[in-house]
Protein backbone atom coordinates (compact mmCIF):
# COMPACT_ATOMS: atom_id res chain seq x y z
CA MET A 1 5.70 3.02 -25.70
CA LYS A 2 2.38 1.17 -25.72
CA GLY A 3 2.85 0.30 -22.04
CA VAL A 4 3.49 3.92 -21.06
CA ILE A 5 0.29 5.02 -22.80
CA LYS A 6 -1.73 2.34 -20.99
CA ILE A 7 -0.22 3.33 -17.63
CA TRP A 8 -1.04 6.99 -18.32
CA LYS A 9 -4.66 6.15 -19.19
CA GLU A 10 -5.03 4.05 -16.03
CA LYS A 11 -3.13 6.41 -13.69
CA ASP A 12 -6.17 7.23 -11.55
CA LYS A 13 -6.87 3.55 -10.87
CA ILE A 14 -3.18 2.88 -10.23
CA LEU A 15 -3.01 5.74 -7.73
CA GLU A 16 -6.20 4.48 -6.09
CA GLY A 17 -4.61 1.03 -5.70
CA ILE A 18 -1.41 2.52 -4.27
CA PHE A 19 -3.39 4.70 -1.84
CA ASN A 20 -5.51 1.75 -0.70
CA LYS A 21 -2.43 -0.44 -0.29
CA ILE A 22 -0.69 2.13 1.92
CA PHE A 23 -3.74 3.31 3.89
CA LYS A 24 -5.42 -0.02 4.51
CA LYS A 25 -9.09 -0.29 5.36
CA ALA A 26 -10.82 -3.53 6.33
CA ASP A 27 -13.54 -3.30 3.67
CA VAL A 28 -11.05 -2.65 0.85
CA GLU A 29 -8.80 -5.47 2.07
CA HIS A 30 -11.82 -7.80 2.13
CA ILE A 31 -12.66 -6.94 -1.50
CA ALA A 32 -8.99 -7.28 -2.51
CA ALA A 33 -8.79 -10.72 -0.89
CA GLU A 34 -11.93 -11.88 -2.71
CA ARG A 35 -10.55 -10.59 -6.01
CA MET A 36 -7.15 -12.23 -5.42
CA GLU A 37 -8.88 -15.54 -4.71
CA ILE A 38 -10.56 -15.29 -8.11
CA CYS A 39 -7.28 -14.26 -9.78
CA SER A 40 -5.45 -17.20 -8.19
CA THR A 41 -7.55 -19.61 -10.29
CA CYS A 42 -7.16 -17.67 -13.54
CA PRO A 43 -4.94 -19.15 -16.26
CA GLU A 44 -3.68 -15.61 -17.01
CA LEU A 45 -2.14 -15.20 -13.54
CA ASP A 46 1.56 -14.37 -13.89
CA THR A 47 3.23 -15.35 -10.62
CA GLU A 48 6.74 -14.94 -12.05
CA GLY A 49 6.18 -11.34 -13.12
CA SER A 50 7.31 -11.83 -16.72
CA LYS A 51 4.18 -10.10 -18.08
CA CYS A 52 4.13 -7.22 -15.58
CA MET A 53 3.86 -3.77 -17.14
CA VAL A 54 6.26 -2.56 -14.44
CA PRO A 55 9.01 -5.06 -13.58
CA GLY A 56 9.12 -6.25 -9.99
CA THR A 57 5.44 -5.64 -9.25
CA GLY A 58 4.22 -9.25 -9.51
CA PRO A 59 2.10 -11.17 -9.28
CA CYS A 60 0.46 -9.63 -12.32
CA CYS A 61 -2.38 -10.16 -14.70
CA GLY A 62 -1.09 -11.71 -17.90
CA LEU A 63 -3.80 -9.94 -19.92
CA CYS A 64 -3.32 -6.33 -18.83
CA GLY A 65 0.09 -6.44 -17.10
CA CYS A 66 -1.25 -4.82 -13.93
CA SER A 67 0.16 -5.54 -10.50
CA LEU A 68 -2.58 -7.50 -8.76
CA SER A 69 -1.65 -6.12 -5.34
CA LEU A 70 -2.68 -2.69 -6.69
CA LYS A 71 -5.43 -3.54 -9.15
CA THR A 72 -7.39 -5.66 -6.67
CA ARG A 73 -7.38 -2.70 -4.24
CA ALA A 74 -8.61 -0.19 -6.83
CA LEU A 75 -12.36 -0.26 -6.25
CA SER A 76 -13.02 1.47 -9.59
CA ALA A 77 -11.03 -1.19 -11.49
CA SER A 78 -12.49 -4.30 -13.08
CA CYS A 79 -10.95 -7.48 -14.42
CA ASP A 80 -10.10 -7.33 -18.13
CA ASP A 81 -11.36 -10.93 -18.41
CA LYS A 82 -14.64 -9.97 -16.66
CA ARG A 83 -13.99 -12.26 -13.69
CA TRP A 84 -14.80 -9.41 -11.24
CA GLU A 85 -16.38 -5.98 -11.64
CA ALA A 86 -15.66 -2.51 -10.29
CA VAL A 87 -17.29 -1.76 -6.95
CA LEU A 88 -17.32 2.00 -7.56
CA SER A 89 -17.61 3.96 -10.76
CA GLU A 90 -14.79 6.41 -11.45
CA ASN A 91 -17.18 9.30 -10.62
CA GLU A 92 -18.10 7.70 -7.29
CA GLN A 93 -14.41 7.19 -6.56
CA GLU A 94 -13.68 10.87 -7.29
CA LEU A 95 -16.49 11.95 -4.96
CA LEU A 96 -15.20 9.65 -2.23
CA ASP A 97 -11.64 10.95 -2.71
CA ARG A 98 -12.88 14.54 -2.39
CA GLN A 99 -14.81 13.70 0.76
CA ILE A 100 -11.78 12.01 2.30
CA SER A 101 -9.64 15.00 1.37
CA LEU A 102 -12.11 17.39 3.02
CA GLU A 103 -12.18 15.26 6.18
CA ASP A 104 -8.36 15.21 6.27
CA ASP A 105 -8.32 19.03 6.03
CA THR A 106 -10.51 19.31 9.13
CA LEU A 107 -8.29 17.08 11.28
């Protein structure tokens, strides 16, 4: 139950990571690659997926259980071990999402 509550609280960041993984942009991929390089040296890296909050989404962070392929692409997310910070605040991310949505409506 604890895992479900954490997922619910982090749903916006998870959706941001999913969106950025599907609709790839060079700048986001660059940030994700830099973050993954940092994660690859972390002792909490779970390459087997045994600590993943959602099974089958590894590699994961052993501290928070997040899928690193999603978390590293969520610009409003930060490392729980403070190894890397958020690039955007959640408010900035919401504004950007609204702007993207408005641009999509005009296409």
